[in-house]
Amino acid sequence: VLDYAFQKWQFEQKLKMTKQEVKEELKQSEGDPLV
């Protein structure tokens, strides 16, 4: 049970994007802010 909870938490942490990834996604979806 403890290992299952840890694996789930670890999986959710891997799915989270870094700040740079968030910026890149915003650029792709909304366009480059400078442009």
PDB file of all heavy atoms in Angstrom:
ATOM      1  N   VAL A   1       0.839  -1.205   0.000  1.00  0.00           N
ATOM      2  CA  VAL A   1       0.000   0.000   0.000  1.00  0.00           C
ATOM      3  C   VAL A   1       0.873   1.254   0.000  1.00  0.00           C
ATOM      4  O   VAL A   1       0.625   2.210  -0.760  1.00  0.00           O
ATOM      5  CB  VAL A   1      -0.943  -0.011   1.216  1.00  0.00           C
ATOM      6  CG1 VAL A   1      -1.695   1.306   1.325  1.00  0.00           C
ATOM      7  CG2 VAL A   1      -1.938  -1.164   1.108  1.00  0.00           C
ATOM      8  N   LEU A   2       1.917   1.242   0.844  1.00  0.00           N
ATOM      9  CA  LEU A   2       2.820   2.396   0.878  1.00  0.00           C
ATOM     10  C   LEU A   2       3.544   2.569  -0.458  1.00  0.00           C
ATOM     11  O   LEU A   2       3.701   3.689  -0.951  1.00  0.00           O
ATOM     12  CB  LEU A   2       3.840   2.227   2.003  1.00  0.00           C
ATOM     13  CG  LEU A   2       3.307   2.295   3.444  1.00  0.00           C
ATOM     14  CD1 LEU A   2       4.451   2.099   4.433  1.00  0.00           C
ATOM     15  CD2 LEU A   2       2.594   3.620   3.692  1.00  0.00           C
ATOM     16  N   ASP A   3       3.996   1.460  -1.036  1.00  0.00           N
ATOM     17  CA  ASP A   3       4.703   1.531  -2.314  1.00  0.00           C
ATOM     18  C   ASP A   3       3.776   2.008  -3.423  1.00  0.00           C
ATOM     19  O   ASP A   3       4.196   2.773  -4.307  1.00  0.00           O
ATOM     20  CB  ASP A   3       5.267   0.156  -2.657  1.00  0.00           C
ATOM     21  CG  ASP A   3       6.187   0.208  -3.864  1.00  0.00           C
ATOM     22  OD1 ASP A   3       7.054   1.095  -3.913  1.00  0.00           O
ATOM     23  OD2 ASP A   3       6.014  -0.623  -4.775  1.00  0.00           O
ATOM     24  N   TYR A   4       2.524   1.588  -3.397  1.00  0.00           N
ATOM     25  CA  TYR A   4       1.555   2.046  -4.398  1.00  0.00           C
ATOM     26  C   TYR A   4       1.342   3.555  -4.293  1.00  0.00           C
ATOM     27  O   TYR A   4       1.319   4.264  -5.312  1.00  0.00           O
ATOM     28  CB  TYR A   4       0.231   1.316  -4.199  1.00  0.00           C
ATOM     29  CG  TYR A   4      -0.870   1.811  -5.104  1.00  0.00           C
ATOM     30  CD1 TYR A   4      -0.923   1.424  -6.436  1.00  0.00           C
ATOM     31  CD2 TYR A   4      -1.847   2.682  -4.629  1.00  0.00           C
ATOM     32  CE1 TYR A   4      -1.934   1.886  -7.281  1.00  0.00           C
ATOM     33  CE2 TYR A   4      -2.849   3.144  -5.452  1.00  0.00           C
ATOM     34  CZ  TYR A   4      -2.892   2.743  -6.774  1.00  0.00           C
ATOM     35  OH  TYR A   4      -3.890   3.214  -7.593  1.00  0.00           O
ATOM     36  N   ALA A   5       1.203   4.056  -3.060  1.00  0.00           N
ATOM     37  CA  ALA A   5       1.029   5.501  -2.871  1.00  0.00           C
ATOM     38  C   ALA A   5       2.269   6.262  -3.350  1.00  0.00           C
ATOM     39  O   ALA A   5       2.161   7.316  -3.990  1.00  0.00           O
ATOM     40  CB  ALA A   5       0.753   5.806  -1.403  1.00  0.00           C
ATOM     41  N   PHE A   6       3.458   5.700  -3.064  1.00  0.00           N
ATOM     42  CA  PHE A   6       4.695   6.361  -3.494  1.00  0.00           C
ATOM     43  C   PHE A   6       4.821   6.354  -5.007  1.00  0.00           C
ATOM     44  O   PHE A   6       5.216   7.361  -5.616  1.00  0.00           O
ATOM     45  CB  PHE A   6       5.892   5.665  -2.856  1.00  0.00           C
ATOM     46  CG  PHE A   6       7.213   6.180  -3.348  1.00  0.00           C
ATOM     47  CD1 PHE A   6       7.713   7.389  -2.890  1.00  0.00           C
ATOM     48  CD2 PHE A   6       7.964   5.458  -4.280  1.00  0.00           C
ATOM     49  CE1 PHE A   6       8.929   7.881  -3.353  1.00  0.00           C
ATOM     50  CE2 PHE A   6       9.164   5.941  -4.742  1.00  0.00           C
ATOM     51  CZ  PHE A   6       9.652   7.151  -4.278  1.00  0.00           C
ATOM     52  N   GLN A   7       4.507   5.220  -5.647  1.00  0.00           N
ATOM     53  CA  GLN A   7       4.588   5.132  -7.103  1.00  0.00           C
ATOM     54  C   GLN A   7       3.614   6.108  -7.768  1.00  0.00           C
ATOM     55  O   GLN A   7       3.941   6.739  -8.785  1.00  0.00           O
ATOM     56  CB  GLN A   7       4.281   3.694  -7.561  1.00  0.00           C
ATOM     57  CG  GLN A   7       5.310   2.673  -7.128  1.00  0.00           C
ATOM     58  CD  GLN A   7       6.602   2.765  -7.909  1.00  0.00           C
ATOM     59  OE1 GLN A   7       6.670   3.441  -8.923  1.00  0.00           O
ATOM     60  NE2 GLN A   7       7.639   2.088  -7.440  1.00  0.00           N
ATOM     61  N   LYS A   8       2.418   6.241  -7.208  1.00  0.00           N
ATOM     62  CA  LYS A   8       1.434   7.174  -7.761  1.00  0.00           C
ATOM     63  C   LYS A   8       1.927   8.609  -7.642  1.00  0.00           C
ATOM     64  O   LYS A   8       1.824   9.402  -8.582  1.00  0.00           O
ATOM     65  CB  LYS A   8       0.101   7.008  -7.039  1.00  0.00           C
ATOM     66  CG  LYS A   8      -1.010   7.876  -7.602  1.00  0.00           C
ATOM     67  CD  LYS A   8      -2.316   7.641  -6.861  1.00  0.00           C
ATOM     68  CE  LYS A   8      -3.421   8.529  -7.435  1.00  0.00           C
ATOM     69  NZ  LYS A   8      -4.698   8.341  -6.705  1.00  0.00           N
ATOM     70  N   TRP A   9       2.482   8.952  -6.469  1.00  0.00           N
ATOM     71  CA  TRP A   9       3.012  10.312  -6.268  1.00  0.00           C
ATOM     72  C   TRP A   9       4.178  10.569  -7.213  1.00  0.00           C
ATOM     73  O   TRP A   9       4.281  11.649  -7.810  1.00  0.00           O
ATOM     74  CB  TRP A   9       3.470  10.469  -4.826  1.00  0.00           C
ATOM     75  CG  TRP A   9       4.164  11.766  -4.561  1.00  0.00           C
ATOM     76  CD1 TRP A   9       3.589  12.969  -4.293  1.00  0.00           C
ATOM     77  CD2 TRP A   9       5.592  11.988  -4.560  1.00  0.00           C
ATOM     78  NE1 TRP A   9       4.553  13.926  -4.120  1.00  0.00           N
ATOM     79  CE2 TRP A   9       5.784  13.363  -4.284  1.00  0.00           C
ATOM     80  CE3 TRP A   9       6.691  11.175  -4.752  1.00  0.00           C
ATOM     81  CZ2 TRP A   9       7.054  13.926  -4.201  1.00  0.00           C
ATOM     82  CZ3 TRP A   9       7.960  11.727  -4.681  1.00  0.00           C
ATOM     83  CH2 TRP A   9       8.127  13.089  -4.400  1.00  0.00           C
ATOM     84  N   GLN A  10       5.062   9.595  -7.383  1.00  0.00           N
ATOM     85  CA  GLN A  10       6.215   9.750  -8.271  1.00  0.00           C
ATOM     86  C   GLN A  10       5.763   9.920  -9.722  1.00  0.00           C
ATOM     87  O   GLN A  10       6.318  10.735 -10.469  1.00  0.00           O
ATOM     88  CB  GLN A  10       7.129   8.541  -8.135  1.00  0.00           C
ATOM     89  CG  GLN A  10       8.484   8.700  -8.803  1.00  0.00           C
ATOM     90  CD  GLN A  10       9.364   7.492  -8.574  1.00  0.00           C
ATOM     91  OE1 GLN A  10       8.905   6.357  -8.664  1.00  0.00           O
ATOM     92  NE2 GLN A  10      10.629   7.714  -8.273  1.00  0.00           N
ATOM     93  N   PHE A  11       4.738   9.159 -10.116  1.00  0.00           N
ATOM     94  CA  PHE A  11       4.221   9.270 -11.475  1.00  0.00           C
ATOM     95  C   PHE A  11       3.626  10.654 -11.720  1.00  0.00           C
ATOM     96  O   PHE A  11       3.829  11.260 -12.784  1.00  0.00           O
ATOM     97  CB  PHE A  11       3.171   8.189 -11.706  1.00  0.00           C
ATOM     98  CG  PHE A  11       2.545   8.219 -13.072  1.00  0.00           C
ATOM     99  CD1 PHE A  11       3.259   7.813 -14.184  1.00  0.00           C
ATOM    100  CD2 PHE A  11       1.248   8.670 -13.241  1.00  0.00           C
ATOM    101  CE1 PHE A  11       2.687   7.843 -15.443  1.00  0.00           C
ATOM    102  CE2 PHE A  11       0.666   8.705 -14.491  1.00  0.00           C
ATOM    103  CZ  PHE A  11       1.394   8.294 -15.593  1.00  0.00           C
ATOM    104  N   GLU A  12       2.890  11.182 -10.749  1.00  0.00           N
ATOM    105  CA  GLU A  12       2.304  12.516 -10.886  1.00  0.00           C
ATOM    106  C   GLU A  12       3.385  13.581 -10.953  1.00  0.00           C
ATOM    107  O   GLU A  12       3.247  14.576 -11.683  1.00  0.00           O
ATOM    108  CB  GLU A  12       1.357  12.798  -9.718  1.00  0.00           C
ATOM    109  CG  GLU A  12       0.095  11.940  -9.742  1.00  0.00           C
ATOM    110  CD  GLU A  12      -0.769  12.167  -8.520  1.00  0.00           C
ATOM    111  OE1 GLU A  12      -0.293  12.850  -7.582  1.00  0.00           O
ATOM    112  OE2 GLU A  12      -1.907  11.659  -8.490  1.00  0.00           O
ATOM    113  N   GLN A  13       4.472  13.403 -10.204  1.00  0.00           N
ATOM    114  CA  GLN A  13       5.573  14.364 -10.248  1.00  0.00           C
ATOM    115  C   GLN A  13       6.253  14.362 -11.618  1.00  0.00           C
ATOM    116  O   GLN A  13       6.652  15.415 -12.119  1.00  0.00           O
ATOM    117  CB  GLN A  13       6.605  14.036  -9.160  1.00  0.00           C
ATOM    118  CG  GLN A  13       6.099  14.240  -7.749  1.00  0.00           C
ATOM    119  CD  GLN A  13       5.703  15.676  -7.456  1.00  0.00           C
ATOM    120  OE1 GLN A  13       6.410  16.617  -7.807  1.00  0.00           O
ATOM    121  NE2 GLN A  13       4.564  15.843  -6.806  1.00  0.00           N
ATOM    122  N   LYS A  14       6.359  13.174 -12.242  1.00  0.00           N
ATOM    123  CA  LYS A  14       6.982  13.107 -13.562  1.00  0.00           C
ATOM    124  C   LYS A  14       6.122  13.777 -14.622  1.00  0.00           C
ATOM    125  O   LYS A  14       6.637  14.289 -15.618  1.00  0.00           O
ATOM    126  CB  LYS A  14       7.222  11.641 -13.940  1.00  0.00           C
ATOM    127  CG  LYS A  14       8.331  10.974 -13.147  1.00  0.00           C
ATOM    128  CD  LYS A  14       8.516   9.539 -13.601  1.00  0.00           C
ATOM    129  CE  LYS A  14       9.643   8.860 -12.820  1.00  0.00           C
ATOM    130  NZ  LYS A  14       9.843   7.455 -13.239  1.00  0.00           N
ATOM    131  N   LEU A  15       4.788  13.778 -14.403  1.00  0.00           N
ATOM    132  CA  LEU A  15       3.896  14.391 -15.382  1.00  0.00           C
ATOM    133  C   LEU A  15       3.938  15.913 -15.329  1.00  0.00           C
ATOM    134  O   LEU A  15       3.563  16.576 -16.294  1.00  0.00           O
ATOM    135  CB  LEU A  15       2.456  13.915 -15.147  1.00  0.00           C
ATOM    136  CG  LEU A  15       2.162  12.441 -15.471  1.00  0.00           C
ATOM    137  CD1 LEU A  15       0.710  12.129 -15.165  1.00  0.00           C
ATOM    138  CD2 LEU A  15       2.475  12.129 -16.923  1.00  0.00           C
ATOM    139  N   LYS A  16       4.374  16.475 -14.192  1.00  0.00           N
ATOM    140  CA  LYS A  16       4.411  17.932 -14.066  1.00  0.00           C
ATOM    141  C   LYS A  16       5.483  18.517 -14.975  1.00  0.00           C
ATOM    142  O   LYS A  16       6.569  17.959 -15.125  1.00  0.00           O
ATOM    143  CB  LYS A  16       4.685  18.335 -12.612  1.00  0.00           C
ATOM    144  CG  LYS A  16       3.544  17.997 -11.655  1.00  0.00           C
ATOM    145  CD  LYS A  16       3.862  18.454 -10.247  1.00  0.00           C
ATOM    146  CE  LYS A  16       2.718  18.159  -9.301  1.00  0.00           C
ATOM    147  NZ  LYS A  16       3.018  18.586  -7.911  1.00  0.00           N
ATOM    148  N   MET A  17       5.162  19.658 -15.567  1.00  0.00           N
ATOM    149  CA  MET A  17       6.105  20.306 -16.476  1.00  0.00           C
ATOM    150  C   MET A  17       6.967  21.314 -15.724  1.00  0.00           C
ATOM    151  O   MET A  17       6.529  21.916 -14.737  1.00  0.00           O
ATOM    152  CB  MET A  17       5.333  21.027 -17.593  1.00  0.00           C
ATOM    153  CG  MET A  17       4.562  20.115 -18.500  1.00  0.00           C
ATOM    154  SD  MET A  17       3.833  20.984 -19.919  1.00  0.00           S
ATOM    155  CE  MET A  17       2.713  22.090 -19.069  1.00  0.00           C
ATOM    156  N   THR A  18       8.179  21.486 -16.211  1.00  0.00           N
ATOM    157  CA  THR A  18       9.064  22.505 -15.661  1.00  0.00           C
ATOM    158  C   THR A  18       8.638  23.893 -16.163  1.00  0.00           C
ATOM    159  O   THR A  18       7.791  24.014 -17.049  1.00  0.00           O
ATOM    160  CB  THR A  18      10.516  22.221 -16.070  1.00  0.00           C
ATOM    161  OG1 THR A  18      10.613  22.282 -17.514  1.00  0.00           O
ATOM    162  CG2 THR A  18      10.946  20.839 -15.608  1.00  0.00           C
ATOM    163  N   LYS A  19       9.221  24.921 -15.588  1.00  0.00           N
ATOM    164  CA  LYS A  19       8.898  26.287 -16.005  1.00  0.00           C
ATOM    165  C   LYS A  19       9.237  26.505 -17.481  1.00  0.00           C
ATOM    166  O   LYS A  19       8.494  27.178 -18.199  1.00  0.00           O
ATOM    167  CB  LYS A  19       9.663  27.290 -15.131  1.00  0.00           C
ATOM    168  CG  LYS A  19       9.206  27.310 -13.679  1.00  0.00           C
ATOM    169  CD  LYS A  19       9.959  28.370 -12.895  1.00  0.00           C
ATOM    170  CE  LYS A  19       9.466  28.421 -11.449  1.00  0.00           C
ATOM    171  NZ  LYS A  19      10.201  29.458 -10.663  1.00  0.00           N
ATOM    172  N   GLN A  20      10.364  25.941 -17.916  1.00  0.00           N
ATOM    173  CA  GLN A  20      10.758  26.095 -19.321  1.00  0.00           C
ATOM    174  C   GLN A  20       9.778  25.394 -20.235  1.00  0.00           C
ATOM    175  O   GLN A  20       9.421  25.913 -21.304  1.00  0.00           O
ATOM    176  CB  GLN A  20      12.170  25.528 -19.523  1.00  0.00           C
ATOM    177  CG  GLN A  20      12.714  25.725 -20.932  1.00  0.00           C
ATOM    178  CD  GLN A  20      12.849  27.196 -21.300  1.00  0.00           C
ATOM    179  OE1 GLN A  20      13.097  28.037 -20.446  1.00  0.00           O
ATOM    180  NE2 GLN A  20      12.704  27.512 -22.574  1.00  0.00           N
ATOM    181  N   GLU A  21       9.295  24.207 -19.826  1.00  0.00           N
ATOM    182  CA  GLU A  21       8.312  23.487 -20.635  1.00  0.00           C
ATOM    183  C   GLU A  21       6.990  24.250 -20.712  1.00  0.00           C
ATOM    184  O   GLU A  21       6.332  24.251 -21.749  1.00  0.00           O
ATOM    185  CB  GLU A  21       8.084  22.096 -20.054  1.00  0.00           C
ATOM    186  CG  GLU A  21       9.274  21.160 -20.215  1.00  0.00           C
ATOM    187  CD  GLU A  21       9.085  19.836 -19.506  1.00  0.00           C
ATOM    188  OE1 GLU A  21       8.214  19.763 -18.611  1.00  0.00           O
ATOM    189  OE2 GLU A  21       9.803  18.884 -19.827  1.00  0.00           O
ATOM    190  N   VAL A  22       6.611  24.897 -19.594  1.00  0.00           N
ATOM    191  CA  VAL A  22       5.386  25.705 -19.601  1.00  0.00           C
ATOM    192  C   VAL A  22       5.528  26.879 -20.562  1.00  0.00           C
ATOM    193  O   VAL A  22       4.603  27.208 -21.318  1.00  0.00           O
ATOM    194  CB  VAL A  22       5.064  26.206 -18.178  1.00  0.00           C
ATOM    195  CG1 VAL A  22       3.909  27.199 -18.206  1.00  0.00           C
ATOM    196  CG2 VAL A  22       4.708  25.036 -17.271  1.00  0.00           C
ATOM    197  N   LYS A  23       6.706  27.519 -20.556  1.00  0.00           N
ATOM    198  CA  LYS A  23       6.941  28.636 -21.471  1.00  0.00           C
ATOM    199  C   LYS A  23       6.880  28.175 -22.922  1.00  0.00           C
ATOM    200  O   LYS A  23       6.304  28.865 -23.773  1.00  0.00           O
ATOM    201  CB  LYS A  23       8.307  29.269 -21.170  1.00  0.00           C
ATOM    202  CG  LYS A  23       8.373  29.996 -19.842  1.00  0.00           C
ATOM    203  CD  LYS A  23       9.756  30.596 -19.631  1.00  0.00           C
ATOM    204  CE  LYS A  23       9.832  31.327 -18.293  1.00  0.00           C
ATOM    205  NZ  LYS A  23      11.183  31.903 -18.058  1.00  0.00           N
ATOM    206  N   GLU A  24       7.493  27.015 -23.198  1.00  0.00           N
ATOM    207  CA  GLU A  24       7.480  26.509 -24.573  1.00  0.00           C
ATOM    208  C   GLU A  24       6.067  26.173 -25.021  1.00  0.00           C
ATOM    209  O   GLU A  24       5.690  26.429 -26.171  1.00  0.00           O
ATOM    210  CB  GLU A  24       8.379  25.267 -24.676  1.00  0.00           C
ATOM    211  CG  GLU A  24       9.862  25.534 -24.480  1.00  0.00           C
ATOM    212  CD  GLU A  24      10.426  26.453 -25.551  1.00  0.00           C
ATOM    213  OE1 GLU A  24       9.921  26.418 -26.690  1.00  0.00           O
ATOM    214  OE2 GLU A  24      11.376  27.204 -25.251  1.00  0.00           O
ATOM    215  N   GLU A  25       5.265  25.607 -24.108  1.00  0.00           N
ATOM    216  CA  GLU A  25       3.883  25.276 -24.469  1.00  0.00           C
ATOM    217  C   GLU A  25       3.073  26.537 -24.734  1.00  0.00           C
ATOM    218  O   GLU A  25       2.243  26.578 -25.649  1.00  0.00           O
ATOM    219  CB  GLU A  25       3.234  24.456 -23.355  1.00  0.00           C
ATOM    220  CG  GLU A  25       1.834  23.975 -23.708  1.00  0.00           C
ATOM    221  CD  GLU A  25       1.204  23.134 -22.625  1.00  0.00           C
ATOM    222  OE1 GLU A  25       1.793  23.057 -21.522  1.00  0.00           O
ATOM    223  OE2 GLU A  25       0.139  22.562 -22.857  1.00  0.00           O
ATOM    224  N   LEU A  26       3.296  27.577 -23.920  1.00  0.00           N
ATOM    225  CA  LEU A  26       2.595  28.840 -24.149  1.00  0.00           C
ATOM    226  C   LEU A  26       2.979  29.441 -25.501  1.00  0.00           C
ATOM    227  O   LEU A  26       2.132  29.999 -26.206  1.00  0.00           O
ATOM    228  CB  LEU A  26       2.902  29.825 -23.015  1.00  0.00           C
ATOM    229  CG  LEU A  26       2.256  29.524 -21.661  1.00  0.00           C
ATOM    230  CD1 LEU A  26       2.736  30.504 -20.605  1.00  0.00           C
ATOM    231  CD2 LEU A  26       0.738  29.578 -21.762  1.00  0.00           C
ATOM    232  N   LYS A  27       4.265  29.316 -25.841  1.00  0.00           N
ATOM    233  CA  LYS A  27       4.704  29.835 -27.134  1.00  0.00           C
ATOM    234  C   LYS A  27       4.017  29.099 -28.276  1.00  0.00           C
ATOM    235  O   LYS A  27       3.626  29.700 -29.272  1.00  0.00           O
ATOM    236  CB  LYS A  27       6.224  29.690 -27.271  1.00  0.00           C
ATOM    237  CG  LYS A  27       7.016  30.682 -26.430  1.00  0.00           C
ATOM    238  CD  LYS A  27       8.503  30.501 -26.666  1.00  0.00           C
ATOM    239  CE  LYS A  27       9.313  31.495 -25.842  1.00  0.00           C
ATOM    240  NZ  LYS A  27      10.777  31.332 -26.053  1.00  0.00           N
ATOM    241  N   GLN A  28       3.879  27.777 -28.129  1.00  0.00           N
ATOM    242  CA  GLN A  28       3.276  26.984 -29.196  1.00  0.00           C
ATOM    243  C   GLN A  28       1.772  27.213 -29.297  1.00  0.00           C
ATOM    244  O   GLN A  28       1.206  27.214 -30.385  1.00  0.00           O
ATOM    245  CB  GLN A  28       3.557  25.498 -28.972  1.00  0.00           C
ATOM    246  CG  GLN A  28       5.026  25.145 -29.088  1.00  0.00           C
ATOM    247  CD  GLN A  28       5.294  23.683 -28.792  1.00  0.00           C
ATOM    248  OE1 GLN A  28       4.381  22.916 -28.508  1.00  0.00           O
ATOM    249  NE2 GLN A  28       6.555  23.287 -28.848  1.00  0.00           N
ATOM    250  N   SER A  29       1.102  27.384 -28.135  1.00  0.00           N
ATOM    251  CA  SER A  29      -0.350  27.523 -28.152  1.00  0.00           C
ATOM    252  C   SER A  29      -0.801  28.958 -28.407  1.00  0.00           C
ATOM    253  O   SER A  29      -1.786  29.194 -29.114  1.00  0.00           O
ATOM    254  CB  SER A  29      -0.926  27.031 -26.817  1.00  0.00           C
ATOM    255  OG  SER A  29      -0.420  27.798 -25.735  1.00  0.00           O
ATOM    256  N   GLU A  30      -0.103  29.919 -27.829  1.00  0.00           N
ATOM    257  CA  GLU A  30      -0.524  31.317 -27.941  1.00  0.00           C
ATOM    258  C   GLU A  30       0.438  32.165 -28.775  1.00  0.00           C
ATOM    259  O   GLU A  30       0.129  33.306 -29.092  1.00  0.00           O
ATOM    260  CB  GLU A  30      -0.658  31.931 -26.545  1.00  0.00           C
ATOM    261  CG  GLU A  30      -1.695  31.222 -25.668  1.00  0.00           C
ATOM    262  CD  GLU A  30      -1.815  31.875 -24.316  1.00  0.00           C
ATOM    263  OE1 GLU A  30      -1.133  32.902 -24.103  1.00  0.00           O
ATOM    264  OE2 GLU A  30      -2.583  31.386 -23.486  1.00  0.00           O
ATOM    265  N   GLY A  31       1.599  31.622 -29.106  1.00  0.00           N
ATOM    266  CA  GLY A  31       2.567  32.400 -29.861  1.00  0.00           C
ATOM    267  C   GLY A  31       3.617  33.012 -28.954  1.00  0.00           C
ATOM    268  O   GLY A  31       3.406  33.199 -27.755  1.00  0.00           O
ATOM    269  N   ASP A  32       4.744  33.334 -29.531  1.00  0.00           N
ATOM    270  CA  ASP A  32       5.838  33.943 -28.790  1.00  0.00           C
ATOM    271  C   ASP A  32       5.428  35.333 -28.307  1.00  0.00           C
ATOM    272  O   ASP A  32       4.979  36.163 -29.105  1.00  0.00           O
ATOM    273  CB  ASP A  32       7.067  34.047 -29.700  1.00  0.00           C
ATOM    274  CG  ASP A  32       8.329  34.361 -28.909  1.00  0.00           C
ATOM    275  OD1 ASP A  32       8.214  35.004 -27.855  1.00  0.00           O
ATOM    276  OD2 ASP A  32       9.415  33.959 -29.349  1.00  0.00           O
ATOM    277  N   PRO A  33       5.565  35.628 -26.995  1.00  0.00           N
ATOM    278  CA  PRO A  33       5.189  36.963 -26.490  1.00  0.00           C
ATOM    279  C   PRO A  33       5.912  38.101 -27.195  1.00  0.00           C
ATOM    280  O   PRO A  33       5.334  39.166 -27.415  1.00  0.00           O
ATOM    281  CB  PRO A  33       5.570  36.892 -24.998  1.00  0.00           C
ATOM    282  CG  PRO A  33       5.530  35.434 -24.671  1.00  0.00           C
ATOM    283  CD  PRO A  33       5.962  34.727 -25.913  1.00  0.00           C
ATOM    284  N   LEU A  34       7.181  37.895 -27.567  1.00  0.00           N
ATOM    285  CA  LEU A  34       7.920  38.945 -28.261  1.00  0.00           C
ATOM    286  C   LEU A  34       7.335  39.202 -29.648  1.00  0.00           C
ATOM    287  O   LEU A  34       7.202  40.359 -30.072  1.00  0.00           O
ATOM    288  CB  LEU A  34       9.394  38.557 -28.383  1.00  0.00           C
ATOM    289  CG  LEU A  34      10.164  38.408 -27.059  1.00  0.00           C
ATOM    290  CD1 LEU A  34      11.584  37.942 -27.311  1.00  0.00           C
ATOM    291  CD2 LEU A  34      10.166  39.739 -26.303  1.00  0.00           C
ATOM    292  N   VAL A  35       6.962  38.107 -30.317  1.00  0.00           N
ATOM    293  CA  VAL A  35       6.354  38.263 -31.645  1.00  0.00           C
ATOM    294  C   VAL A  35       4.997  38.939 -31.531  1.00  0.00           C
ATOM    295  O   VAL A  35       4.652  39.823 -32.329  1.00  0.00           O
ATOM    296  CB  VAL A  35       6.225  36.884 -32.329  1.00  0.00           C
ATOM    297  CG1 VAL A  35       5.495  37.013 -33.654  1.00  0.00           C
ATOM    298  CG2 VAL A  35       7.604  36.267 -32.533  1.00  0.00           C
TER     299      VAL A  35
END
